[in-house]
Amino acid sequence: MNSLMKKSFRILLGRSSAGFLSVLFMIYFAYEFSKVIFALIAMYEVAVSFVKVIADVGLHYRKMREAPPLLKDGKVEEAVRDIIWPAVFTRMFVAFMSSCIFFVMCTLWRDDLQVSFPELNITWVIYLCTLHLFFTVCEGILSSVFNVRQLFGTDAFLETSSNLVERIFATGFYLWLGLNHYFTGIAIAMFLTLLVRLYYVRDYFRYVRFSELQPGKMWEVVKVYWPFYLRKFFRLGFKQGEQLIIPAMLPLEQLANFRLANKTAGMLRQYIQAFSDPLIVKLSRTRDIKVRQDYVRTYLAFTLPPPIILCFLSPWIMPLMGGPKYGDAWGIMAVVFGGYVFVALSILQMTIISIFGKPTEFLMRDAIGGTVGLIATFIFIKIFGEEGVAWGQFVSYVIMFVVGYHIANRYVKESEQKHNDEIVGG
């Protein structure tokens, strides 16, 4: 067993317990709720993820690139005053405005929502979801401060704990007070998590100066980091955004099928990342071509077979995850699982490009994949109905793989040529 496998299995073991519990909660609600309610909650989760992408505005990367050197030199006040606090405030302002827009839109649609979901008190749910949305995005913004301070273990623990506590509170309030208070549970849980985050960074508060915030200067910084934001938006925002538009084309019951399949397959991404995260470190630390090839072969051997196997097992997995009412939709799960073959290959390409390439090449790949995937989704929905959502995602992954292959392959050949030249020269 080489070092990559050992490191990957340690990461996988550390993440698997929380992931397993999250899956159990998802299975419970898939069985417990009607497809319409399950799809509604899924749509809200997509909206939260979309706003988290919107509120990034590229400033996460500024904190990660510019603050650590100052903190390392002991210039804590300068790092907080000039970099961390302005970035956090700007992102929280965007989060607040996005939450307000969410509240206004839901209020305008309140009557239609009440007709569609008569079992819910829509007014109550709108208020709670708006609060939860703002708390969740702010909690994610503070997470990057933990990374700047290199509190990786604490950040991972809080992230895992918040997800688990949110599900526990949601389940408890649902069983105690009924469906409306599912949303009460998630709002209270996320508020408590946000308070814990604030407590951990309380020592930075003494450096905060509202009077020193300069909107014009922050706008100039946002423009500098705009390419990083675009890359994240094309990679994640498009996927979330298209799922918010899809209900206009499909009944919510059909969207529930895709959401269950996609959430189940999403566990594969954590599995793949358990191998890809240490891979980038291993590849960057050695210049030996044979050693690098050994690491890549190990990565492929462990990441390609699982999605293929699960693809063939989809007829049994889908009804197991959601009950008999989801059994006929196993074809959606098969397509989603199949797409993760290209996800694994694309993540490998990203690893290679991150070592040898340029950030703009990530943007080009994600922009092309996201745009083509969005167009393909709408076309395939017209052709295949509910399975078109899965096929659109599949096409997006394939396109990102094709574009990334040409970029990564160029750098691999250049690296091998340089290595051969050094051998000849030596």
Protein backbone atom coordinates (compact mmCIF):
# COMPACT_ATOMS: atom_id res chain seq x y z
CA MET A 1 0.00 0.00 0.00
CA ASN A 2 1.65 3.26 -1.11
CA SER A 3 1.52 6.51 0.85
CA LEU A 4 -1.30 7.94 -1.27
CA MET A 5 -3.60 5.06 -0.33
CA LYS A 6 -2.75 5.35 3.37
CA LYS A 7 -3.42 9.08 3.43
CA SER A 8 -6.61 8.73 1.39
CA PHE A 9 -8.08 6.03 3.60
CA ARG A 10 -7.36 8.11 6.71
CA ILE A 11 -9.24 11.05 5.17
CA LEU A 12 -12.06 8.76 4.04
CA LEU A 13 -12.38 7.24 7.50
CA GLY A 14 -12.55 10.67 9.09
CA ARG A 15 -15.36 11.80 6.76
CA SER A 16 -17.33 8.60 6.44
CA SER A 17 -19.06 8.64 9.84
CA ALA A 18 -20.65 12.06 9.35
CA GLY A 19 -21.49 11.25 5.74
CA PHE A 20 -23.14 8.00 6.77
CA LEU A 21 -25.33 9.76 9.35
CA SER A 22 -26.34 12.40 6.79
CA VAL A 23 -27.38 9.65 4.39
CA LEU A 24 -29.51 8.02 7.07
CA PHE A 25 -31.37 11.29 7.65
CA MET A 26 -31.89 11.73 3.90
CA ILE A 27 -33.29 8.20 3.61
CA TYR A 28 -35.63 8.83 6.54
CA PHE A 29 -37.09 12.00 5.02
CA ALA A 30 -37.35 10.40 1.56
CA TYR A 31 -39.53 7.69 3.10
CA GLU A 32 -41.39 10.04 5.48
CA PHE A 33 -42.25 12.97 3.20
CA SER A 34 -44.28 13.04 0.05
CA LYS A 35 -42.34 13.61 -3.15
CA VAL A 36 -43.66 17.17 -3.35
CA ILE A 37 -42.41 18.14 0.13
CA PHE A 38 -39.12 16.32 -0.40
CA ALA A 39 -38.65 18.23 -3.65
CA LEU A 40 -39.55 21.54 -1.97
CA ILE A 41 -36.88 21.03 0.69
CA ALA A 42 -34.45 19.99 -2.03
CA MET A 43 -35.21 23.17 -3.97
CA TYR A 44 -34.60 25.27 -0.89
CA GLU A 45 -31.24 23.53 -0.30
CA VAL A 46 -30.31 24.32 -3.91
CA ALA A 47 -31.27 27.98 -3.33
CA VAL A 48 -29.01 28.11 -0.25
CA SER A 49 -26.10 26.64 -2.22
CA PHE A 50 -26.72 29.12 -5.04
CA VAL A 51 -26.66 32.11 -2.68
CA LYS A 52 -23.44 30.80 -1.08
CA VAL A 53 -21.84 30.89 -4.54
CA ILE A 54 -23.23 34.37 -5.22
CA ALA A 55 -21.90 35.70 -1.91
CA ASP A 56 -18.36 34.55 -2.64
CA VAL A 57 -17.54 37.43 -5.06
CA GLY A 58 -13.96 36.11 -5.24
CA LEU A 59 -12.94 37.50 -1.85
CA HIS A 60 -12.47 34.06 -0.32
CA TYR A 61 -9.42 33.69 -2.55
CA ARG A 62 -8.08 37.08 -1.47
CA LYS A 63 -8.15 36.03 2.17
CA MET A 64 -6.45 32.72 1.38
CA ARG A 65 -3.70 34.33 -0.70
CA GLU A 66 -2.92 37.61 1.08
CA ALA A 67 -3.74 37.15 4.78
CA PRO A 68 -1.58 34.11 5.76
CA PRO A 69 1.80 35.80 5.02
CA LEU A 70 0.84 38.75 7.26
CA LEU A 71 -0.34 36.45 10.03
CA LYS A 72 2.87 34.46 9.76
CA ASP A 73 4.88 37.67 10.27
CA GLY A 74 2.81 38.55 13.33
CA LYS A 75 0.93 41.40 11.59
CA VAL A 76 -2.46 40.28 12.86
CA GLU A 77 -4.02 43.73 13.09
CA GLU A 78 -2.99 44.62 9.55
CA ALA A 79 -4.28 41.30 8.18
CA VAL A 80 -7.64 41.68 9.92
CA ARG A 81 -8.10 45.40 9.24
CA ASP A 82 -6.99 45.47 5.60
CA ILE A 83 -7.88 42.01 4.27
CA ILE A 84 -9.97 39.71 6.45
CA TRP A 85 -12.56 42.11 7.86
CA PRO A 86 -13.29 44.03 4.61
CA ALA A 87 -13.69 40.72 2.76
CA VAL A 88 -15.97 39.27 5.44
CA PHE A 89 -18.10 42.43 5.62
CA THR A 90 -18.46 42.67 1.84
CA ARG A 91 -19.49 39.05 1.53
CA MET A 92 -21.95 39.34 4.43
CA PHE A 93 -23.47 42.43 2.84
CA VAL A 94 -24.01 40.46 -0.38
CA ALA A 95 -25.49 37.62 1.70
CA PHE A 96 -27.88 40.05 3.42
CA MET A 97 -29.03 41.57 0.12
CA SER A 98 -29.48 38.10 -1.40
CA SER A 99 -31.56 37.04 1.62
CA CYS A 100 -33.73 40.14 1.23
CA ILE A 101 -34.31 39.34 -2.46
CA PHE A 102 -35.20 35.75 -1.49
CA PHE A 103 -37.71 37.04 1.08
CA VAL A 104 -39.33 39.46 -1.37
CA MET A 105 -39.63 36.86 -4.13
CA CYS A 106 -41.14 34.26 -1.80
CA THR A 107 -43.57 36.86 -0.42
CA LEU A 108 -44.71 37.74 -3.94
CA TRP A 109 -45.32 34.05 -4.65
CA ARG A 110 -46.78 33.34 -1.21
CA ASP A 111 -50.36 32.72 -2.35
CA ASP A 112 -49.29 30.33 -5.12
CA LEU A 113 -46.97 28.51 -2.72
CA GLN A 114 -49.75 28.18 -0.16
CA VAL A 115 -52.01 26.60 -2.78
CA SER A 116 -49.25 24.21 -3.88
CA PHE A 117 -48.32 23.25 -0.29
CA PRO A 118 -51.53 23.46 1.78
CA GLU A 119 -49.98 21.42 4.61
CA LEU A 120 -47.50 24.24 5.32
CA ASN A 121 -47.90 27.67 6.90
CA ILE A 122 -46.07 29.39 4.07
CA THR A 123 -45.74 32.77 5.81
CA TRP A 124 -44.02 31.14 8.78
CA VAL A 125 -41.79 29.03 6.52
CA ILE A 126 -40.71 32.07 4.47
CA TYR A 127 -39.56 33.95 7.58
CA LEU A 128 -37.65 30.94 8.92
CA CYS A 129 -36.04 30.08 5.60
CA THR A 130 -34.85 33.66 5.12
CA LEU A 131 -33.17 33.63 8.54
CA HIS A 132 -31.69 30.19 7.93
CA LEU A 133 -30.40 31.27 4.52
CA PHE A 134 -28.58 34.29 5.97
CA PHE A 135 -27.16 32.32 8.93
CA THR A 136 -25.93 29.53 6.64
CA VAL A 137 -24.14 31.84 4.22
CA CYS A 138 -22.53 33.79 7.08
CA GLU A 139 -21.38 30.54 8.67
CA GLY A 140 -19.71 29.60 5.38
CA ILE A 141 -18.05 33.03 5.16
CA LEU A 142 -16.53 32.63 8.63
CA SER A 143 -15.30 29.17 7.65
CA SER A 144 -12.70 30.76 5.38
CA VAL A 145 -11.37 32.76 8.35
CA PHE A 146 -10.70 29.46 10.10
CA ASN A 147 -8.74 28.28 7.05
CA VAL A 148 -6.68 31.48 7.03
CA ARG A 149 -5.78 30.84 10.66
CA GLN A 150 -4.97 27.21 9.73
CA LEU A 151 -7.66 25.88 12.06
CA PHE A 152 -8.42 23.13 9.57
CA GLY A 153 -9.36 20.51 12.14
CA THR A 154 -11.65 22.86 14.04
CA ASP A 155 -13.27 24.02 10.81
CA ALA A 156 -13.87 20.44 9.63
CA PHE A 157 -15.32 19.51 13.03
CA LEU A 158 -17.67 22.52 13.07
CA GLU A 159 -18.77 21.91 9.49
CA THR A 160 -19.52 18.26 10.19
CA SER A 161 -21.19 19.10 13.50
CA SER A 162 -23.36 21.83 11.98
CA ASN A 163 -24.70 19.51 9.30
CA LEU A 164 -25.44 16.83 11.86
CA VAL A 165 -26.98 19.22 14.41
CA GLU A 166 -29.12 20.77 11.69
CA ARG A 167 -30.57 17.39 10.77
CA ILE A 168 -31.07 16.40 14.41
CA PHE A 169 -32.91 19.64 15.21
CA ALA A 170 -34.98 19.39 12.02
CA THR A 171 -36.00 15.82 12.83
CA GLY A 172 -36.71 16.60 16.48
CA PHE A 173 -38.86 19.65 15.78
CA TYR A 174 -40.67 17.82 12.98
CA LEU A 175 -41.56 14.88 15.22
CA TRP A 176 -42.48 17.18 18.12
CA LEU A 177 -44.39 20.02 16.46
CA GLY A 178 -45.09 18.95 12.89
CA LEU A 179 -43.93 19.70 9.36
CA ASN A 180 -43.83 23.52 9.67
CA HIS A 181 -41.29 23.27 12.44
CA TYR A 182 -38.87 21.25 10.37
CA PHE A 183 -37.79 24.72 9.24
CA THR A 184 -37.73 25.99 12.83
CA GLY A 185 -35.22 23.27 13.63
CA ILE A 186 -32.82 24.08 10.81
CA ALA A 187 -32.96 27.84 11.58
CA ILE A 188 -32.17 27.36 15.29
CA ALA A 189 -29.40 24.85 14.55
CA MET A 190 -27.67 27.13 12.06
CA PHE A 191 -27.97 30.14 14.40
CA LEU A 192 -26.24 28.18 17.16
CA THR A 193 -23.51 27.09 14.75
CA LEU A 194 -22.96 30.69 13.69
CA LEU A 195 -22.60 31.74 17.35
CA VAL A 196 -19.95 29.06 17.86
CA ARG A 197 -18.07 30.29 14.78
CA LEU A 198 -18.18 33.87 16.09
CA TYR A 199 -16.89 32.74 19.46
CA TYR A 200 -13.82 31.12 17.89
CA VAL A 201 -12.86 34.34 16.05
CA ARG A 202 -13.83 36.74 18.87
CA ASP A 203 -10.20 37.85 19.33
CA TYR A 204 -10.36 39.49 15.88
CA PHE A 205 -13.28 41.74 16.82
CA ARG A 206 -11.07 44.33 18.53
CA TYR A 207 -9.47 45.13 15.16
CA VAL A 208 -12.80 45.76 13.41
CA ARG A 209 -13.38 49.36 12.29
CA PHE A 210 -16.60 50.13 10.41
CA SER A 211 -15.41 53.70 9.81
CA GLU A 212 -12.41 52.45 7.81
CA LEU A 213 -14.44 50.48 5.29
CA GLN A 214 -14.13 52.00 1.82
CA PRO A 215 -16.69 50.71 -0.72
CA GLY A 216 -14.69 52.10 -3.65
CA LYS A 217 -11.53 50.31 -2.59
CA MET A 218 -13.40 47.05 -2.02
CA TRP A 219 -14.93 47.27 -5.48
CA GLU A 220 -11.43 47.54 -6.96
CA VAL A 221 -10.41 44.41 -5.04
CA VAL A 222 -13.53 42.56 -6.25
CA LYS A 223 -12.62 43.40 -9.86
CA VAL A 224 -9.11 41.97 -9.36
CA TYR A 225 -10.47 38.68 -8.03
CA TRP A 226 -13.42 38.52 -10.42
CA PRO A 227 -11.89 35.69 -12.56
CA PHE A 228 -11.75 33.46 -9.46
CA TYR A 229 -15.40 34.22 -8.78
CA LEU A 230 -16.42 33.50 -12.37
CA ARG A 231 -14.70 30.15 -12.27
CA LYS A 232 -16.62 29.17 -9.13
CA PHE A 233 -19.87 30.47 -10.60
CA PHE A 234 -19.47 28.50 -13.83
CA ARG A 235 -18.46 25.38 -11.91
CA LEU A 236 -21.08 25.51 -9.15
CA GLY A 237 -23.46 28.40 -9.75
CA PHE A 238 -24.65 27.15 -13.13
CA LYS A 239 -25.50 23.74 -11.70
CA GLN A 240 -27.44 25.24 -8.80
CA GLY A 241 -29.08 27.89 -10.98
CA GLU A 242 -30.35 25.42 -13.55
CA GLN A 243 -31.97 23.34 -10.81
CA LEU A 244 -33.86 26.44 -9.67
CA ILE A 245 -35.22 26.94 -13.19
CA ILE A 246 -36.09 23.30 -13.88
CA PRO A 247 -39.37 23.31 -11.82
CA ALA A 248 -40.83 25.59 -14.48
CA MET A 249 -40.37 22.71 -16.92
CA LEU A 250 -41.04 19.66 -14.72
CA PRO A 251 -43.46 18.71 -11.92
CA LEU A 252 -41.89 18.76 -8.45
CA GLU A 253 -42.44 15.01 -8.07
CA GLN A 254 -40.06 14.42 -10.98
CA LEU A 255 -37.51 16.83 -9.56
CA ALA A 256 -37.59 14.79 -6.35
CA ASN A 257 -36.39 11.75 -8.31
CA PHE A 258 -33.35 13.62 -9.61
CA ARG A 259 -32.59 15.17 -6.24
CA LEU A 260 -32.58 11.83 -4.44
CA ALA A 261 -30.37 10.30 -7.12
CA ASN A 262 -28.02 13.27 -7.16
CA LYS A 263 -27.71 13.46 -3.35
CA THR A 264 -26.99 9.73 -3.17
CA ALA A 265 -24.35 9.92 -5.90
CA GLY A 266 -22.89 13.00 -4.22
CA MET A 267 -21.27 10.70 -1.67
CA LEU A 268 -18.98 9.61 -4.48
CA ARG A 269 -17.54 13.13 -4.70
CA GLN A 270 -16.40 12.94 -1.07
CA TYR A 271 -14.91 9.52 -1.78
CA ILE A 272 -13.06 10.82 -4.85
CA GLN A 273 -11.81 13.90 -3.00
CA ALA A 274 -10.38 11.67 -0.28
CA PHE A 275 -7.94 10.49 -2.98
CA SER A 276 -7.57 13.74 -4.92
CA ASP A 277 -6.75 15.99 -1.92
CA PRO A 278 -3.52 14.17 -1.00
CA LEU A 279 -2.75 13.46 -4.67
CA ILE A 280 -1.95 17.11 -5.42
CA VAL A 281 0.53 17.17 -2.54
CA LYS A 282 2.15 13.90 -3.61
CA LEU A 283 2.51 14.97 -7.24
CA SER A 284 3.94 18.38 -6.35
CA ARG A 285 6.55 16.92 -3.99
CA THR A 286 8.21 14.62 -6.50
CA ARG A 287 9.66 15.15 -9.96
CA ASP A 288 10.14 11.44 -10.61
CA ILE A 289 7.90 10.53 -13.57
CA LYS A 290 7.57 6.89 -12.53
CA VAL A 291 6.52 7.82 -9.01
CA ARG A 292 3.96 10.28 -10.35
CA GLN A 293 2.59 7.65 -12.72
CA ASP A 294 2.30 5.23 -9.81
CA TYR A 295 0.25 7.77 -7.83
CA VAL A 296 -2.01 8.44 -10.81
CA ARG A 297 -2.58 4.71 -11.40
CA THR A 298 -3.48 4.28 -7.73
CA TYR A 299 -5.91 7.17 -7.92
CA LEU A 300 -7.61 5.79 -11.04
CA ALA A 301 -7.75 2.25 -9.66
CA PHE A 302 -9.74 3.41 -6.64
CA THR A 303 -11.93 6.14 -8.18
CA LEU A 304 -13.10 4.73 -11.53
CA PRO A 305 -14.58 1.31 -10.58
CA PRO A 306 -17.06 2.51 -7.87
CA PRO A 307 -19.24 4.72 -10.12
CA ILE A 308 -19.31 2.03 -12.81
CA ILE A 309 -20.37 -0.67 -10.33
CA LEU A 310 -22.97 1.59 -8.69
CA CYS A 311 -24.34 2.49 -12.11
CA PHE A 312 -25.26 -1.17 -12.70
CA LEU A 313 -26.68 -1.49 -9.18
CA SER A 314 -28.98 1.53 -9.57
CA PRO A 315 -32.21 -0.53 -10.04
CA TRP A 316 -31.76 -1.80 -6.47
CA ILE A 317 -30.17 1.28 -4.88
CA MET A 318 -32.86 3.82 -5.87
CA PRO A 319 -35.82 2.08 -4.16
CA LEU A 320 -33.60 1.28 -1.18
CA MET A 321 -32.76 4.98 -0.69
CA GLY A 322 -36.28 6.38 -1.12
CA GLY A 323 -38.75 3.54 -1.01
CA PRO A 324 -40.95 1.96 -3.70
CA LYS A 325 -42.27 5.35 -4.88
CA TYR A 326 -38.78 6.08 -6.29
CA GLY A 327 -38.18 2.63 -7.79
CA ASP A 328 -39.19 3.48 -11.36
CA ALA A 329 -36.67 6.36 -11.47
CA TRP A 330 -33.57 4.16 -11.20
CA GLY A 331 -32.52 5.18 -14.73
CA ILE A 332 -31.87 8.72 -13.46
CA MET A 333 -29.56 7.38 -10.77
CA ALA A 334 -27.71 5.22 -13.33
CA VAL A 335 -26.97 8.27 -15.50
CA VAL A 336 -25.86 10.33 -12.48
CA PHE A 337 -23.53 7.56 -11.26
CA GLY A 338 -22.12 7.19 -14.77
CA GLY A 339 -21.25 10.87 -14.85
CA TYR A 340 -18.96 10.44 -11.86
CA VAL A 341 -16.52 8.48 -14.02
CA PHE A 342 -15.82 11.77 -15.78
CA VAL A 343 -15.87 13.66 -12.47
CA ALA A 344 -13.01 11.46 -11.24
CA LEU A 345 -11.06 12.03 -14.45
CA SER A 346 -11.74 15.78 -14.39
CA ILE A 347 -10.55 16.11 -10.79
CA LEU A 348 -7.32 14.38 -11.81
CA GLN A 349 -6.93 16.89 -14.63
CA MET A 350 -7.55 19.78 -12.23
CA THR A 351 -4.81 18.41 -9.99
CA ILE A 352 -2.34 18.33 -12.88
CA ILE A 353 -3.30 21.81 -14.11
CA SER A 354 -3.07 23.28 -10.60
CA ILE A 355 0.56 22.12 -10.40
CA PHE A 356 1.73 23.03 -13.90
CA GLY A 357 -0.93 25.32 -15.37
CA LYS A 358 -2.60 28.68 -14.94
CA PRO A 359 -5.80 29.70 -13.07
CA THR A 360 -7.35 31.09 -16.26
CA GLU A 361 -7.34 27.59 -17.75
CA PHE A 362 -9.64 26.42 -14.94
CA LEU A 363 -12.00 29.26 -15.82
CA MET A 364 -12.06 28.32 -19.51
CA ARG A 365 -12.78 24.66 -18.75
CA ASP A 366 -15.53 25.37 -16.22
CA ALA A 367 -17.11 28.11 -18.35
CA ILE A 368 -17.37 25.82 -21.38
CA GLY A 369 -18.60 22.84 -19.35
CA GLY A 370 -21.13 24.89 -17.37
CA THR A 371 -22.55 26.70 -20.41
CA VAL A 372 -22.84 23.58 -22.60
CA GLY A 373 -24.31 21.62 -19.67
CA LEU A 374 -26.96 24.26 -19.04
CA ILE A 375 -28.02 24.32 -22.70
CA ALA A 376 -27.96 20.52 -22.89
CA THR A 377 -30.16 20.24 -19.78
CA PHE A 378 -32.97 22.27 -21.32
CA ILE A 379 -32.71 20.41 -24.64
CA PHE A 380 -32.71 16.97 -22.99
CA ILE A 381 -35.66 17.85 -20.75
CA LYS A 382 -37.66 18.50 -23.91
CA ILE A 383 -36.51 15.14 -25.33
CA PHE A 384 -36.31 12.82 -22.30
CA GLY A 385 -38.45 14.56 -19.69
CA GLU A 386 -37.25 14.11 -16.11
CA GLU A 387 -34.20 12.06 -17.18
CA GLY A 388 -33.03 15.08 -19.19
CA VAL A 389 -31.77 16.77 -16.02
CA ALA A 390 -29.41 13.87 -15.36
CA TRP A 391 -28.30 13.71 -19.01
CA GLY A 392 -27.58 17.45 -19.00
CA GLN A 393 -25.35 17.04 -15.97
CA PHE A 394 -23.68 14.05 -17.64
CA VAL A 395 -22.89 16.11 -20.75
CA SER A 396 -21.45 18.89 -18.59
CA TYR A 397 -19.05 16.45 -16.91
CA VAL A 398 -18.02 14.97 -20.28
CA ILE A 399 -17.34 18.41 -21.79
CA MET A 400 -15.23 19.46 -18.79
CA PHE A 401 -13.27 16.21 -19.16
CA VAL A 402 -12.66 16.73 -22.88
CA VAL A 403 -11.52 20.35 -22.45
CA GLY A 404 -9.43 19.49 -19.37
CA TYR A 405 -7.84 16.53 -21.15
CA HIS A 406 -6.31 18.70 -23.85
CA ILE A 407 -5.01 21.20 -21.28
CA ALA A 408 -3.62 18.63 -18.82
CA ASN A 409 -2.17 16.41 -21.54
CA ARG A 410 -0.08 19.31 -22.82
CA TYR A 411 1.48 19.84 -19.41
CA VAL A 412 2.08 16.13 -18.85
CA LYS A 413 3.99 15.88 -22.15
CA GLU A 414 6.02 19.00 -21.33
CA SER A 415 6.89 17.59 -17.91
CA GLU A 416 7.96 14.23 -19.37
CA GLN A 417 10.04 15.96 -22.06
CA LYS A 418 11.75 18.11 -19.45
CA HIS A 419 12.46 15.05 -17.32
CA ASN A 420 13.96 13.19 -20.33
CA ASP A 421 16.11 16.19 -21.24
CA GLU A 422 17.47 16.31 -17.69
CA ILE A 423 18.36 12.61 -17.88
CA VAL A 424 20.14 13.06 -21.20
CA GLY A 425 21.90 16.18 -19.94
CA GLY A 426 22.98 14.41 -16.78
